[in-house]
All heavy atoms as atom14 arrays in JSON, in Angstrom:
{
  "sequence": "VGPRDHVVAVAELDDMAAAELGPLLRDTARVVETLC",
  "atom14_mask": [
    [1, 1, 1, 1, 1, 1, 1, 0, 0, 0, 0, 0, 0, 0],
    [1, 1, 1, 1, 0, 0, 0, 0, 0, 0, 0, 0, 0, 0],
    [1, 1, 1, 1, 1, 1, 1, 0, 0, 0, 0, 0, 0, 0],
    [1, 1, 1, 1, 1, 1, 1, 1, 1, 1, 1, 0, 0, 0],
    [1, 1, 1, 1, 1, 1, 1, 1, 0, 0, 0, 0, 0, 0],
    [1, 1, 1, 1, 1, 1, 1, 1, 1, 1, 0, 0, 0, 0],
    [1, 1, 1, 1, 1, 1, 1, 0, 0, 0, 0, 0, 0, 0],
    [1, 1, 1, 1, 1, 1, 1, 0, 0, 0, 0, 0, 0, 0],
    [1, 1, 1, 1, 1, 0, 0, 0, 0, 0, 0, 0, 0, 0],
    [1, 1, 1, 1, 1, 1, 1, 0, 0, 0, 0, 0, 0, 0],
    [1, 1, 1, 1, 1, 0, 0, 0, 0, 0, 0, 0, 0, 0],
    [1, 1, 1, 1, 1, 1, 1, 1, 1, 0, 0, 0, 0, 0],
    [1, 1, 1, 1, 1, 1, 1, 1, 0, 0, 0, 0, 0, 0],
    [1, 1, 1, 1, 1, 1, 1, 1, 0, 0, 0, 0, 0, 0],
    [1, 1, 1, 1, 1, 1, 1, 1, 0, 0, 0, 0, 0, 0],
    [1, 1, 1, 1, 1, 1, 1, 1, 0, 0, 0, 0, 0, 0],
    [1, 1, 1, 1, 1, 0, 0, 0, 0, 0, 0, 0, 0, 0],
    [1, 1, 1, 1, 1, 0, 0, 0, 0, 0, 0, 0, 0, 0],
    [1, 1, 1, 1, 1, 0, 0, 0, 0, 0, 0, 0, 0, 0],
    [1, 1, 1, 1, 1, 1, 1, 1, 1, 0, 0, 0, 0, 0],
    [1, 1, 1, 1, 1, 1, 1, 1, 0, 0, 0, 0, 0, 0],
    [1, 1, 1, 1, 0, 0, 0, 0, 0, 0, 0, 0, 0, 0],
    [1, 1, 1, 1, 1, 1, 1, 0, 0, 0, 0, 0, 0, 0],
    [1, 1, 1, 1, 1, 1, 1, 1, 0, 0, 0, 0, 0, 0],
    [1, 1, 1, 1, 1, 1, 1, 1, 0, 0, 0, 0, 0, 0],
    [1, 1, 1, 1, 1, 1, 1, 1, 1, 1, 1, 0, 0, 0],
    [1, 1, 1, 1, 1, 1, 1, 1, 0, 0, 0, 0, 0, 0],
    [1, 1, 1, 1, 1, 1, 1, 0, 0, 0, 0, 0, 0, 0],
    [1, 1, 1, 1, 1, 0, 0, 0, 0, 0, 0, 0, 0, 0],
    [1, 1, 1, 1, 1, 1, 1, 1, 1, 1, 1, 0, 0, 0],
    [1, 1, 1, 1, 1, 1, 1, 0, 0, 0, 0, 0, 0, 0],
    [1, 1, 1, 1, 1, 1, 1, 0, 0, 0, 0, 0, 0, 0],
    [1, 1, 1, 1, 1, 1, 1, 1, 1, 0, 0, 0, 0, 0],
    [1, 1, 1, 1, 1, 1, 1, 0, 0, 0, 0, 0, 0, 0],
    [1, 1, 1, 1, 1, 1, 1, 1, 0, 0, 0, 0, 0, 0],
    [1, 1, 1, 1, 1, 1, 0, 0, 0, 0, 0, 0, 0, 0]
  ],
  "atom14_positions": [
    [[-2.14, 4.46, 4.19], [-1.25, 4.05, 3.11], [-1.57, 4.85, 1.84], [-2.87, 4.78, 1.5], [-1.24, 2.54, 2.88], [-0.23, 2.21, 1.74], [-0.78, 1.89, 4.14], [0.0, 0.0, 0.0], [0.0, 0.0, 0.0], [0.0, 0.0, 0.0], [0.0, 0.0, 0.0], [0.0, 0.0, 0.0], [0.0, 0.0, 0.0], [0.0, 0.0, 0.0]],
    [[-0.7, 5.58, 1.26], [-1.06, 6.18, 0.01], [0.17, 6.36, -0.87], [1.36, 6.41, -0.38], [0.0, 0.0, 0.0], [0.0, 0.0, 0.0], [0.0, 0.0, 0.0], [0.0, 0.0, 0.0], [0.0, 0.0, 0.0], [0.0, 0.0, 0.0], [0.0, 0.0, 0.0], [0.0, 0.0, 0.0], [0.0, 0.0, 0.0], [0.0, 0.0, 0.0]],
    [[0.02, 6.32, -2.14], [1.1, 6.45, -3.11], [1.83, 7.93, -3.09], [1.1, 8.94, -2.62], [0.45, 6.31, -4.43], [-0.9, 6.71, -4.24], [-1.3, 6.32, -2.77], [0.0, 0.0, 0.0], [0.0, 0.0, 0.0], [0.0, 0.0, 0.0], [0.0, 0.0, 0.0], [0.0, 0.0, 0.0], [0.0, 0.0, 0.0], [0.0, 0.0, 0.0]],
    [[3.01, 7.96, -3.26], [3.72, 9.32, -3.28], [3.25, 10.11, -4.49], [3.14, 11.3, -4.38], [5.16, 9.03, -3.25], [5.76, 8.62, -1.92], [7.23, 8.48, -1.95], [7.73, 8.09, -0.62], [8.63, 7.1, -0.61], [9.19, 6.5, -1.6], [8.98, 6.74, 0.7], [0.0, 0.0, 0.0], [0.0, 0.0, 0.0], [0.0, 0.0, 0.0]],
    [[3.16, 9.45, -5.63], [2.7, 10.14, -6.81], [1.18, 10.33, -6.73], [0.48, 9.7, -5.99], [3.03, 9.32, -8.09], [4.46, 9.11, -8.27], [5.2, 9.98, -7.81], [4.87, 8.14, -8.83], [0.0, 0.0, 0.0], [0.0, 0.0, 0.0], [0.0, 0.0, 0.0], [0.0, 0.0, 0.0], [0.0, 0.0, 0.0], [0.0, 0.0, 0.0]],
    [[0.68, 11.3, -7.49], [-0.77, 11.62, -7.46], [-1.47, 10.46, -8.28], [-1.22, 10.39, -9.52], [-1.04, 12.98, -8.1], [-2.5, 13.18, -8.07], [-3.19, 13.46, -7.06], [-3.33, 13.29, -9.19], [-4.5, 13.66, -7.33], [-4.6, 13.51, -8.61], [0.0, 0.0, 0.0], [0.0, 0.0, 0.0], [0.0, 0.0, 0.0], [0.0, 0.0, 0.0]],
    [[-2.21, 9.69, -7.61], [-3.01, 8.6, -8.09], [-4.4, 8.64, -7.49], [-4.42, 8.91, -6.22], [-2.33, 7.28, -7.79], [-3.13, 6.03, -8.24], [-1.01, 7.2, -8.45], [0.0, 0.0, 0.0], [0.0, 0.0, 0.0], [0.0, 0.0, 0.0], [0.0, 0.0, 0.0], [0.0, 0.0, 0.0], [0.0, 0.0, 0.0], [0.0, 0.0, 0.0]],
    [[-5.45, 8.48, -8.24], [-6.76, 8.5, -7.61], [-7.44, 7.16, -7.61], [-8.55, 7.1, -7.01], [-7.64, 9.57, -8.27], [-7.1, 10.97, -8.18], [-7.9, 9.21, -9.76], [0.0, 0.0, 0.0], [0.0, 0.0, 0.0], [0.0, 0.0, 0.0], [0.0, 0.0, 0.0], [0.0, 0.0, 0.0], [0.0, 0.0, 0.0], [0.0, 0.0, 0.0]],
    [[-6.84, 6.14, -8.03], [-7.44, 4.86, -8.16], [-6.35, 3.66, -8.13], [-5.3, 3.93, -8.76], [-8.38, 4.67, -9.27], [0.0, 0.0, 0.0], [0.0, 0.0, 0.0], [0.0, 0.0, 0.0], [0.0, 0.0, 0.0], [0.0, 0.0, 0.0], [0.0, 0.0, 0.0], [0.0, 0.0, 0.0], [0.0, 0.0, 0.0], [0.0, 0.0, 0.0]],
    [[-6.76, 2.56, -7.57], [-5.87, 1.41, -7.52], [-5.55, 1.09, -9.03], [-4.38, 0.68, -9.39], [-6.42, 0.16, -6.88], [-5.59, -1.07, -7.07], [-6.54, 0.48, -5.34], [0.0, 0.0, 0.0], [0.0, 0.0, 0.0], [0.0, 0.0, 0.0], [0.0, 0.0, 0.0], [0.0, 0.0, 0.0], [0.0, 0.0, 0.0], [0.0, 0.0, 0.0]],
    [[-6.46, 1.22, -9.97], [-6.33, 0.93, -11.31], [-5.22, 1.75, -12.05], [-4.78, 1.36, -13.01], [-7.7, 1.04, -12.11], [0.0, 0.0, 0.0], [0.0, 0.0, 0.0], [0.0, 0.0, 0.0], [0.0, 0.0, 0.0], [0.0, 0.0, 0.0], [0.0, 0.0, 0.0], [0.0, 0.0, 0.0], [0.0, 0.0, 0.0], [0.0, 0.0, 0.0]],
    [[-4.93, 2.88, -11.44], [-3.91, 3.72, -11.95], [-2.5, 3.5, -11.59], [-1.53, 4.12, -11.96], [-4.13, 5.19, -11.7], [-5.5, 5.78, -12.38], [-5.61, 7.29, -11.98], [-4.82, 7.83, -11.28], [-6.56, 7.73, -12.48], [0.0, 0.0, 0.0], [0.0, 0.0, 0.0], [0.0, 0.0, 0.0], [0.0, 0.0, 0.0], [0.0, 0.0, 0.0]],
    [[-2.33, 2.55, -10.59], [-0.97, 2.25, -10.1], [-0.06, 1.6, -11.14], [-0.57, 0.71, -11.92], [-1.07, 1.28, -8.93], [-1.72, 1.79, -7.66], [-1.85, 0.7, -6.64], [-0.91, 2.94, -7.01], [0.0, 0.0, 0.0], [0.0, 0.0, 0.0], [0.0, 0.0, 0.0], [0.0, 0.0, 0.0], [0.0, 0.0, 0.0], [0.0, 0.0, 0.0]],
    [[1.11, 2.0, -11.26], [2.01, 1.37, -12.24], [2.46, -0.06, -11.62], [2.08, -0.36, -10.45], [3.31, 2.18, -12.57], [4.13, 2.51, -11.43], [4.31, 1.73, -10.42], [4.86, 3.54, -11.47], [0.0, 0.0, 0.0], [0.0, 0.0, 0.0], [0.0, 0.0, 0.0], [0.0, 0.0, 0.0], [0.0, 0.0, 0.0], [0.0, 0.0, 0.0]],
    [[3.17, -0.84, -12.44], [3.43, -2.14, -11.99], [4.3, -2.17, -10.75], [4.05, -2.98, -9.81], [4.23, -2.88, -13.05], [3.35, -3.25, -14.23], [2.13, -3.23, -14.16], [3.85, -3.63, -15.45], [0.0, 0.0, 0.0], [0.0, 0.0, 0.0], [0.0, 0.0, 0.0], [0.0, 0.0, 0.0], [0.0, 0.0, 0.0], [0.0, 0.0, 0.0]],
    [[5.27, -1.26, -10.63], [6.1, -1.22, -9.39], [5.29, -0.9, -8.21], [5.43, -1.49, -7.11], [7.27, -0.32, -9.54], [8.12, -0.27, -8.38], [9.57, 0.8, -8.51], [10.49, 0.1, -9.77], [0.0, 0.0, 0.0], [0.0, 0.0, 0.0], [0.0, 0.0, 0.0], [0.0, 0.0, 0.0], [0.0, 0.0, 0.0], [0.0, 0.0, 0.0]],
    [[4.53, 0.12, -8.28], [3.62, 0.53, -7.08], [2.67, -0.61, -6.7], [2.46, -0.86, -5.67], [2.95, 1.84, -7.45], [0.0, 0.0, 0.0], [0.0, 0.0, 0.0], [0.0, 0.0, 0.0], [0.0, 0.0, 0.0], [0.0, 0.0, 0.0], [0.0, 0.0, 0.0], [0.0, 0.0, 0.0], [0.0, 0.0, 0.0], [0.0, 0.0, 0.0]],
    [[2.06, -1.21, -7.75], [1.08, -2.37, -7.48], [1.87, -3.55, -6.75], [1.33, -4.02, -5.88], [0.53, -2.82, -8.8], [0.0, 0.0, 0.0], [0.0, 0.0, 0.0], [0.0, 0.0, 0.0], [0.0, 0.0, 0.0], [0.0, 0.0, 0.0], [0.0, 0.0, 0.0], [0.0, 0.0, 0.0], [0.0, 0.0, 0.0], [0.0, 0.0, 0.0]],
    [[3.1, -3.75, -7.24], [3.89, -4.87, -6.6], [4.2, -4.57, -5.12], [4.32, -5.49, -4.26], [5.12, -5.15, -7.43], [0.0, 0.0, 0.0], [0.0, 0.0, 0.0], [0.0, 0.0, 0.0], [0.0, 0.0, 0.0], [0.0, 0.0, 0.0], [0.0, 0.0, 0.0], [0.0, 0.0, 0.0], [0.0, 0.0, 0.0], [0.0, 0.0, 0.0]],
    [[4.4, -3.28, -4.81], [4.79, -2.89, -3.54], [3.58, -2.84, -2.59], [3.81, -2.92, -1.35], [5.51, -1.52, -3.54], [6.9, -1.47, -4.23], [7.35, -0.05, -4.33], [6.66, 0.94, -4.16], [8.57, 0.02, -4.7], [0.0, 0.0, 0.0], [0.0, 0.0, 0.0], [0.0, 0.0, 0.0], [0.0, 0.0, 0.0], [0.0, 0.0, 0.0]],
    [[2.43, -2.56, -3.19], [1.26, -2.37, -2.34], [0.9, -3.45, -1.43], [0.57, -3.35, -0.22], [0.05, -1.92, -3.17], [-1.26, -1.55, -2.52], [-1.06, -0.44, -1.54], [-2.33, -1.23, -3.47], [0.0, 0.0, 0.0], [0.0, 0.0, 0.0], [0.0, 0.0, 0.0], [0.0, 0.0, 0.0], [0.0, 0.0, 0.0], [0.0, 0.0, 0.0]],
    [[0.87, -4.66, -1.89], [0.47, -5.89, -1.07], [1.25, -6.01, 0.11], [0.77, -6.16, 1.18], [0.0, 0.0, 0.0], [0.0, 0.0, 0.0], [0.0, 0.0, 0.0], [0.0, 0.0, 0.0], [0.0, 0.0, 0.0], [0.0, 0.0, 0.0], [0.0, 0.0, 0.0], [0.0, 0.0, 0.0], [0.0, 0.0, 0.0], [0.0, 0.0, 0.0]],
    [[2.64, -6.1, 0.0], [3.46, -6.24, 1.19], [3.33, -5.01, 2.11], [3.47, -5.26, 3.32], [4.85, -6.4, 0.57], [4.65, -6.99, -0.74], [3.36, -6.37, -1.33], [0.0, 0.0, 0.0], [0.0, 0.0, 0.0], [0.0, 0.0, 0.0], [0.0, 0.0, 0.0], [0.0, 0.0, 0.0], [0.0, 0.0, 0.0], [0.0, 0.0, 0.0]],
    [[3.24, -3.91, 1.62], [3.09, -2.71, 2.45], [1.81, -2.76, 3.31], [1.81, -2.44, 4.44], [3.08, -1.39, 1.66], [3.02, -0.1, 2.44], [3.99, -0.04, 3.46], [3.05, 1.04, 1.42], [0.0, 0.0, 0.0], [0.0, 0.0, 0.0], [0.0, 0.0, 0.0], [0.0, 0.0, 0.0], [0.0, 0.0, 0.0], [0.0, 0.0, 0.0]],
    [[0.67, -3.12, 2.56], [-0.61, -3.26, 3.41], [-0.49, -4.34, 4.41], [-0.92, -4.23, 5.48], [-1.69, -3.6, 2.42], [-2.15, -2.41, 1.62], [-3.21, -2.85, 0.59], [-2.61, -1.27, 2.4], [0.0, 0.0, 0.0], [0.0, 0.0, 0.0], [0.0, 0.0, 0.0], [0.0, 0.0, 0.0], [0.0, 0.0, 0.0], [0.0, 0.0, 0.0]],
    [[0.08, -5.55, 4.08], [0.32, -6.57, 5.04], [1.11, -6.08, 6.25], [0.81, -6.33, 7.37], [1.01, -7.75, 4.35], [1.41, -8.88, 5.3], [2.5, -9.79, 4.92], [3.68, -9.06, 4.64], [4.55, -9.34, 3.7], [4.33, -10.37, 2.89], [5.61, -8.58, 3.56], [0.0, 0.0, 0.0], [0.0, 0.0, 0.0], [0.0, 0.0, 0.0]],
    [[2.28, -5.44, 5.99], [3.1, -4.96, 7.13], [2.45, -3.95, 7.95], [2.53, -3.92, 9.17], [4.45, -4.4, 6.54], [5.24, -5.56, 5.8], [5.01, -6.66, 6.02], [6.32, -5.07, 5.14], [0.0, 0.0, 0.0], [0.0, 0.0, 0.0], [0.0, 0.0, 0.0], [0.0, 0.0, 0.0], [0.0, 0.0, 0.0], [0.0, 0.0, 0.0]],
    [[1.65, -3.08, 7.3], [0.88, -2.0, 8.05], [-0.17, -2.76, 8.91], [-0.29, -2.27, 10.08], [0.34, -1.03, 7.05], [1.34, -0.42, 6.35], [-0.51, 0.04, 7.76], [0.0, 0.0, 0.0], [0.0, 0.0, 0.0], [0.0, 0.0, 0.0], [0.0, 0.0, 0.0], [0.0, 0.0, 0.0], [0.0, 0.0, 0.0], [0.0, 0.0, 0.0]],
    [[-0.88, -3.71, 8.36], [-1.81, -4.42, 9.13], [-1.11, -5.2, 10.32], [-1.74, -5.29, 11.47], [-2.56, -5.41, 8.27], [0.0, 0.0, 0.0], [0.0, 0.0, 0.0], [0.0, 0.0, 0.0], [0.0, 0.0, 0.0], [0.0, 0.0, 0.0], [0.0, 0.0, 0.0], [0.0, 0.0, 0.0], [0.0, 0.0, 0.0], [0.0, 0.0, 0.0]],
    [[0.07, -5.7, 10.11], [0.77, -6.36, 11.13], [1.1, -5.37, 12.28], [1.03, -5.67, 13.48], [1.99, -7.03, 10.64], [1.77, -8.32, 9.83], [3.09, -8.79, 9.36], [2.88, -10.17, 8.66], [3.63, -10.79, 7.84], [4.87, -10.27, 7.79], [3.43, -11.87, 7.33], [0.0, 0.0, 0.0], [0.0, 0.0, 0.0], [0.0, 0.0, 0.0]],
    [[1.57, -4.15, 11.91], [1.81, -3.2, 12.94], [0.57, -2.81, 13.65], [0.7, -2.81, 14.95], [2.53, -1.91, 12.3], [2.54, -0.77, 13.23], [3.85, -2.26, 11.74], [0.0, 0.0, 0.0], [0.0, 0.0, 0.0], [0.0, 0.0, 0.0], [0.0, 0.0, 0.0], [0.0, 0.0, 0.0], [0.0, 0.0, 0.0], [0.0, 0.0, 0.0]],
    [[-0.48, -2.52, 12.96], [-1.81, -2.21, 13.65], [-2.22, -3.26, 14.62], [-2.66, -3.1, 15.71], [-2.82, -1.91, 12.61], [-4.22, -1.87, 13.17], [-2.61, -0.46, 11.93], [0.0, 0.0, 0.0], [0.0, 0.0, 0.0], [0.0, 0.0, 0.0], [0.0, 0.0, 0.0], [0.0, 0.0, 0.0], [0.0, 0.0, 0.0], [0.0, 0.0, 0.0]],
    [[-2.12, -4.61, 14.12], [-2.55, -5.74, 15.0], [-1.71, -5.87, 16.2], [-2.25, -6.19, 17.19], [-2.54, -6.99, 14.09], [-3.53, -7.0, 12.93], [-4.75, -7.87, 13.23], [-4.68, -8.76, 14.01], [-5.72, -7.56, 12.49], [0.0, 0.0, 0.0], [0.0, 0.0, 0.0], [0.0, 0.0, 0.0], [0.0, 0.0, 0.0], [0.0, 0.0, 0.0]],
    [[-0.37, -5.63, 16.0], [0.51, -5.77, 17.19], [0.23, -4.63, 18.22], [0.18, -4.88, 19.42], [1.99, -5.71, 16.66], [2.25, -6.78, 15.78], [2.95, -5.73, 17.88], [0.0, 0.0, 0.0], [0.0, 0.0, 0.0], [0.0, 0.0, 0.0], [0.0, 0.0, 0.0], [0.0, 0.0, 0.0], [0.0, 0.0, 0.0], [0.0, 0.0, 0.0]],
    [[0.07, -3.36, 17.76], [-0.13, -2.31, 18.66], [-1.5, -2.25, 19.31], [-1.71, -1.82, 20.44], [0.16, -1.11, 17.96], [1.62, -0.74, 17.5], [1.68, 0.55, 16.71], [2.48, -0.75, 18.72], [0.0, 0.0, 0.0], [0.0, 0.0, 0.0], [0.0, 0.0, 0.0], [0.0, 0.0, 0.0], [0.0, 0.0, 0.0], [0.0, 0.0, 0.0]],
    [[-2.58, -2.7, 18.58], [-3.82, -2.4, 19.04], [-4.59, -3.74, 19.45], [-5.67, -3.58, 20.1], [-4.7, -1.65, 17.89], [-3.93, -0.18, 17.45], [0.0, 0.0, 0.0], [0.0, 0.0, 0.0], [0.0, 0.0, 0.0], [0.0, 0.0, 0.0], [0.0, 0.0, 0.0], [0.0, 0.0, 0.0], [0.0, 0.0, 0.0], [0.0, 0.0, 0.0]]
  ]
}
């Protein structure tokens, strides 16, 4: 999982990207858990 914009640290994420990150990581983990 990575941001589309050039970002080198979680601390650099803007509010929108930070708000999207949690659900995206959860969904990605769900996919990985289901498949593997």
